[in-house]
């Protein structure tokens, strides 16, 4: 009797499993198609910029959504015009300097700060953590004028001065994510390293940082995409006579009375998009793991 009951239970579980698998496959196809359509909707504007970068200026406005043809095709002339008119090479390297320096400073300072907040866990650390959270919700428009004034007063209107400003604005999100990650790291591992003679800096860089790698990469992606594409903060702070980012340089393609060299602008936009897209594709496998790790522990 018991063998018959076991056989019946096994058959029931097998049948239930097959039904659940069919349901999963049915819903899986639905979500796959849905998100494929959403992805196309997001990618289409980028493709539109790429297509239009190979058209003559008049056809960009009159035939915006059509593919280039023999009549509208201009090859790479839009790219060469954009590079010449905006001094794109110089703007590109200043953008690289600002982005790399700012992201490196944000990752270094905020990861150490988050580790200190979690491990110290006193009223001062909790108060500092609340200040970082408050930093995430303060509208930028509230601090635009005093920021521009302080930037001139302390001579921070340079690319390396902008590193400090970006550290202040980017620290909130980074500390929030890193704090959640550090809470998930057992303190016993760090204590064992210190017992073996490791100093505090060595413990952090050789024990904690490797365990934070997914979240570090995900924060680096988010901060890089923000800083690379940012227009307003460099425009308000940098000395425009000496330094110019890509976002600012592209705006100089606008002429008088609203005239815009759309061909050169499209070429510059494509050149500006390529590095950040390549960087994101190279690091994207870490972003889900990093965001999840920072969100599990509150």
Protein backbone atom coordinates (compact mmCIF):
# COMPACT_ATOMS: atom_id res chain seq x y z
CA UNK A 1 0.00 0.00 0.00
CA UNK A 2 2.80 2.39 0.94
CA UNK A 3 4.58 1.75 -2.37
CA UNK A 4 1.39 2.58 -4.26
CA UNK A 5 0.99 5.81 -2.31
CA UNK A 6 4.62 6.78 -3.02
CA UNK A 7 4.16 6.05 -6.72
CA UNK A 8 0.99 8.12 -6.81
CA UNK A 9 2.73 11.04 -5.07
CA UNK A 10 5.64 10.82 -7.49
CA UNK A 11 3.31 10.84 -10.49
CA UNK A 12 1.42 13.81 -9.06
CA UNK A 13 4.62 15.77 -8.52
CA UNK A 14 5.81 14.93 -12.03
CA UNK A 15 2.52 16.05 -13.55
CA UNK A 16 2.51 19.22 -11.45
CA UNK A 17 6.09 19.96 -12.47
CA UNK A 18 5.24 19.58 -16.15
CA UNK A 19 2.25 21.89 -15.80
CA UNK A 20 4.33 24.51 -13.98
CA UNK A 21 7.04 24.25 -16.63
CA UNK A 22 4.50 24.79 -19.41
CA UNK A 23 3.07 27.80 -17.57
CA UNK A 24 6.57 29.18 -17.05
CA UNK A 25 7.45 28.71 -20.72
CA UNK A 26 4.21 30.38 -21.80
CA UNK A 27 4.75 33.41 -19.57
CA UNK A 28 8.46 33.39 -20.38
CA UNK A 29 7.79 33.88 -24.08
CA UNK A 30 5.39 36.71 -23.26
CA UNK A 31 7.93 38.59 -21.14
CA UNK A 32 10.68 37.95 -23.69
CA UNK A 33 8.64 39.50 -26.49
CA UNK A 34 7.51 42.39 -24.29
CA UNK A 35 11.00 43.33 -23.17
CA UNK A 36 12.34 42.89 -26.71
CA UNK A 37 9.84 45.51 -27.88
CA UNK A 38 10.77 47.79 -24.98
CA UNK A 39 14.46 47.36 -25.85
CA UNK A 40 13.79 48.33 -29.47
CA UNK A 41 11.94 51.43 -28.27
CA UNK A 42 14.96 52.44 -26.17
CA UNK A 43 17.55 51.65 -28.83
CA UNK A 44 15.68 53.30 -31.70
CA UNK A 45 16.60 56.92 -30.78
CA UNK A 46 20.28 55.94 -30.73
CA UNK A 47 19.99 54.28 -34.13
CA UNK A 48 18.18 57.39 -35.39
CA UNK A 49 21.14 59.55 -34.39
CA UNK A 50 23.55 57.14 -36.10
CA UNK A 51 21.53 57.08 -39.35
CA UNK A 52 21.17 60.84 -39.45
CA UNK A 53 24.88 61.36 -38.88
CA UNK A 54 25.45 60.14 -42.45
CA UNK A 55 22.89 62.46 -44.08
CA UNK A 56 23.10 65.95 -45.46
CA UNK A 57 21.82 68.63 -43.13
CA UNK A 58 18.72 69.38 -45.18
CA UNK A 59 17.64 65.74 -45.16
CA UNK A 60 18.10 65.38 -41.41
CA UNK A 61 15.22 67.82 -40.91
CA UNK A 62 13.05 66.81 -43.86
CA UNK A 63 13.57 63.02 -43.77
CA UNK A 64 14.43 62.43 -40.15
CA UNK A 65 13.06 58.90 -39.85
CA UNK A 66 14.23 57.52 -43.20
CA UNK A 67 17.44 55.61 -43.85
CA UNK A 68 20.26 57.32 -45.77
CA UNK A 69 20.06 56.86 -49.53
CA UNK A 70 22.22 57.79 -52.51
CA UNK A 71 20.81 61.30 -52.51
CA UNK A 72 21.18 62.09 -48.80
CA UNK A 73 24.38 60.16 -48.07
CA UNK A 74 27.44 62.30 -47.17
CA UNK A 75 29.73 59.68 -45.66
CA UNK A 76 31.98 60.88 -42.86
CA UNK A 77 31.87 64.59 -43.69
CA UNK A 78 29.55 65.32 -40.75
CA UNK A 79 32.08 63.73 -38.41
CA UNK A 80 35.04 65.68 -39.79
CA UNK A 81 33.05 68.94 -39.71
CA UNK A 82 32.00 68.31 -36.10
CA UNK A 83 35.55 67.52 -35.01
CA UNK A 84 36.90 70.68 -36.63
CA UNK A 85 34.17 73.07 -35.48
CA UNK A 86 34.08 71.94 -31.84
CA UNK A 87 37.76 71.11 -31.26
CA UNK A 88 36.39 67.68 -30.39
CA UNK A 89 39.73 66.03 -29.61
CA UNK A 90 40.56 68.52 -26.85
CA UNK A 91 37.03 68.33 -25.43
CA UNK A 92 37.17 64.54 -25.52
CA UNK A 93 40.37 64.36 -23.48
CA UNK A 94 39.14 66.90 -20.92
CA UNK A 95 35.97 64.81 -20.56
CA UNK A 96 38.09 61.69 -20.02
CA UNK A 97 40.22 63.48 -17.39
CA UNK A 98 37.15 64.74 -15.52
CA UNK A 99 35.29 61.42 -15.69
CA UNK A 100 38.18 59.12 -14.74
CA UNK A 101 39.44 61.35 -11.94
CA UNK A 102 35.98 61.97 -10.48
CA UNK A 103 34.91 58.32 -10.57
CA UNK A 104 38.20 57.14 -9.04
CA UNK A 105 37.89 59.68 -6.21
CA UNK A 106 34.24 58.78 -5.60
CA UNK A 107 34.97 55.04 -5.44
CA UNK A 108 37.95 55.42 -3.13
CA UNK A 109 36.45 57.89 -0.65
CA UNK A 110 32.91 56.54 -0.49
CA UNK A 111 33.90 52.88 -0.14
CA UNK A 112 36.13 53.72 2.82
CA UNK A 113 33.45 55.96 4.29
CA UNK A 114 30.78 53.26 3.99
CA UNK A 115 33.07 50.73 5.67
CA UNK A 116 33.70 53.15 8.55
CA UNK A 117 29.98 53.92 8.95
CA UNK A 118 29.04 50.23 9.19
CA UNK A 119 31.89 49.08 11.42
CA UNK A 120 31.87 52.05 13.84
CA UNK A 121 28.05 52.19 14.08
CA UNK A 122 27.79 55.02 16.63
CA UNK A 123 25.67 58.16 16.65
CA UNK A 124 28.24 60.11 14.61
CA UNK A 125 28.35 57.42 11.90
CA UNK A 126 24.56 57.23 11.77
CA UNK A 127 24.30 61.02 11.53
CA UNK A 128 26.83 61.09 8.70
CA UNK A 129 24.91 58.36 6.89
CA UNK A 130 21.70 60.41 7.13
CA UNK A 131 23.54 63.39 5.63
CA UNK A 132 24.55 61.27 2.66
CA UNK A 133 20.96 60.15 2.21
CA UNK A 134 19.84 63.78 2.39
CA UNK A 135 22.39 64.58 -0.33
CA UNK A 136 20.49 62.26 -2.69
CA UNK A 137 17.22 64.18 -2.43
CA UNK A 138 18.44 67.81 -2.51
CA UNK A 139 17.48 69.36 -5.90
CA UNK A 140 20.48 70.61 -7.84
CA UNK A 141 18.67 73.89 -8.53
CA UNK A 142 18.88 74.72 -4.81
CA UNK A 143 22.67 74.82 -4.84
CA UNK A 144 23.42 76.14 -8.34
CA UNK A 145 24.15 79.72 -7.38
CA UNK A 146 26.17 79.10 -4.18
CA UNK A 147 28.05 76.31 -5.97
CA UNK A 148 29.14 78.62 -8.80
CA UNK A 149 30.15 81.27 -6.26
CA UNK A 150 32.20 78.88 -4.10
CA UNK A 151 33.82 77.36 -7.17
CA UNK A 152 35.24 80.73 -8.17
CA UNK A 153 36.23 81.60 -4.59
CA UNK A 154 38.26 78.40 -4.08
CA UNK A 155 39.59 78.18 -7.66
CA UNK A 156 37.83 74.90 -8.38
CA UNK A 157 36.94 75.93 -11.94
CA UNK A 158 39.40 73.40 -13.39
CA UNK A 159 38.99 69.74 -14.39
CA UNK A 160 40.73 68.52 -11.20
CA UNK A 161 38.74 70.97 -9.12
CA UNK A 162 35.64 69.44 -10.65
CA UNK A 163 36.69 66.06 -9.18
CA UNK A 164 35.93 67.42 -5.71
CA UNK A 165 32.58 68.84 -6.78
CA UNK A 166 31.52 65.56 -8.38
CA UNK A 167 32.64 63.74 -5.22
CA UNK A 168 30.19 65.83 -3.24
CA UNK A 169 27.28 65.19 -5.58
CA UNK A 170 28.02 61.53 -6.28
CA UNK A 171 28.80 60.45 -2.72
CA UNK A 172 25.18 59.97 -1.63
CA UNK A 173 24.30 57.14 -3.99
CA UNK A 174 27.72 55.50 -3.68
CA UNK A 175 27.70 55.47 0.14
CA UNK A 176 24.13 54.18 0.16
CA UNK A 177 25.03 51.22 -2.06
CA UNK A 178 28.38 50.46 -0.41
CA UNK A 179 26.85 50.55 3.07
CA UNK A 180 24.40 47.81 2.14
CA UNK A 181 27.23 45.69 0.74
CA UNK A 182 29.50 46.10 3.78
CA UNK A 183 26.65 45.05 6.09
CA UNK A 184 26.64 41.72 4.28
CA UNK A 185 30.37 41.11 4.84
CA UNK A 186 31.06 39.15 8.07
CA UNK A 187 33.24 41.20 10.42
CA UNK A 188 34.96 37.99 11.55
CA UNK A 189 36.89 37.92 8.26
CA UNK A 190 38.36 41.34 8.95
CA UNK A 191 39.11 40.44 12.57
CA UNK A 192 40.98 37.34 11.42
CA UNK A 193 43.08 39.45 9.05
CA UNK A 194 43.94 41.91 11.83
CA UNK A 195 44.85 39.06 14.16
CA UNK A 196 47.28 37.85 11.49
CA UNK A 197 48.95 41.25 11.61
CA UNK A 198 47.24 43.16 8.83
CA UNK A 199 46.90 46.90 9.37
CA UNK A 200 43.58 48.69 8.92
CA UNK A 201 44.40 49.97 5.39
CA UNK A 202 45.70 46.54 4.36
CA UNK A 203 42.58 44.86 5.74
CA UNK A 204 40.38 47.20 3.76
CA UNK A 205 42.22 46.94 0.45
CA UNK A 206 43.04 43.21 0.54
CA UNK A 207 39.97 41.79 2.30
CA UNK A 208 37.03 44.19 2.00
CA UNK A 209 37.58 45.67 -1.47
CA UNK A 210 37.73 42.29 -3.31
CA UNK A 211 34.43 41.31 -1.69
CA UNK A 212 32.91 44.62 -2.78
CA UNK A 213 34.05 44.26 -6.42
CA UNK A 214 30.57 43.75 -8.01
CA UNK A 215 29.15 46.80 -6.27
CA UNK A 216 32.26 48.88 -7.02
CA UNK A 217 31.91 48.11 -10.72
CA UNK A 218 28.17 48.88 -10.72
CA UNK A 219 28.72 52.21 -8.94
CA UNK A 220 31.53 53.00 -11.38
CA UNK A 221 29.16 52.39 -14.31
CA UNK A 222 26.42 54.60 -12.88
CA UNK A 223 28.77 57.43 -11.94
CA UNK A 224 30.65 57.25 -15.26
CA UNK A 225 27.46 57.47 -17.32
CA UNK A 226 26.30 60.44 -15.25
CA UNK A 227 29.57 62.40 -15.32
CA UNK A 228 30.38 61.67 -18.98
CA UNK A 229 27.00 62.99 -20.16
CA UNK A 230 26.67 65.84 -17.67
CA UNK A 231 26.29 69.30 -19.16
CA UNK A 232 25.06 71.68 -16.46
CA UNK A 233 27.69 71.17 -13.75
CA UNK A 234 30.75 71.64 -16.04
CA UNK A 235 29.02 74.56 -17.74
CA UNK A 236 28.47 76.32 -14.39
CA UNK A 237 31.90 75.65 -12.90
CA UNK A 238 34.58 75.28 -15.58
CA UNK A 239 36.52 78.19 -17.05
CA UNK A 240 35.09 77.99 -20.58
CA UNK A 241 38.06 79.83 -22.08
CA UNK A 242 40.43 77.03 -21.07
CA UNK A 243 38.42 73.85 -20.60
CA UNK A 244 35.43 72.38 -22.38
CA UNK A 245 33.71 69.00 -22.18
CA UNK A 246 32.00 67.23 -25.08
CA UNK A 247 28.55 68.22 -23.83
CA UNK A 248 29.51 71.89 -23.80
CA UNK A 249 31.36 71.73 -27.12
CA UNK A 250 28.35 70.25 -28.92
CA UNK A 251 26.22 73.20 -27.82
CA UNK A 252 28.54 75.57 -29.69
CA UNK A 253 27.24 74.12 -32.97
CA UNK A 254 24.17 76.26 -32.45
CA UNK A 255 24.38 79.46 -34.46
CA UNK A 256 22.47 82.70 -34.37
CA UNK A 257 18.67 82.89 -34.60
CA UNK A 258 18.29 79.23 -33.62
CA UNK A 259 20.33 77.83 -36.52
CA UNK A 260 21.91 74.46 -35.74
CA UNK A 261 24.44 72.49 -37.76
CA UNK A 262 22.52 69.24 -37.34
CA UNK A 263 24.92 67.18 -39.43
CA UNK A 264 28.00 68.08 -37.37
CA UNK A 265 25.98 67.74 -34.16
CA UNK A 266 24.84 64.22 -35.05
CA UNK A 267 28.41 63.22 -35.84
CA UNK A 268 29.68 64.57 -32.52
CA UNK A 269 26.88 62.86 -30.61
CA UNK A 270 27.75 59.50 -32.14
CA UNK A 271 31.42 59.97 -31.25
CA UNK A 272 30.41 60.91 -27.69
CA UNK A 273 28.12 57.89 -27.33
CA UNK A 274 30.59 55.24 -28.49
CA UNK A 275 33.01 55.26 -25.49
CA UNK A 276 30.30 55.12 -22.85
CA UNK A 277 28.38 52.37 -24.66
CA UNK A 278 31.55 50.28 -25.00
CA UNK A 279 32.34 50.81 -21.32
CA UNK A 280 28.83 49.81 -20.28
CA UNK A 281 28.79 46.68 -22.45
CA UNK A 282 32.16 45.65 -21.03
CA UNK A 283 31.02 46.02 -17.41
CA UNK A 284 27.28 45.27 -17.60
CA UNK A 285 27.57 41.75 -16.14
CA UNK A 286 28.53 43.28 -12.78
CA UNK A 287 25.74 45.84 -12.48
CA UNK A 288 22.90 43.48 -11.49
CA UNK A 289 25.05 41.71 -8.91
CA UNK A 290 26.24 45.01 -7.49
CA UNK A 291 22.82 46.65 -7.25
CA UNK A 292 21.33 43.49 -5.71
CA UNK A 293 24.13 43.21 -3.17
CA UNK A 294 23.64 46.80 -2.11
CA UNK A 295 19.86 46.46 -1.80
CA UNK A 296 19.56 43.27 0.27
CA UNK A 297 20.93 44.67 3.50
CA UNK A 298 19.18 47.76 4.79
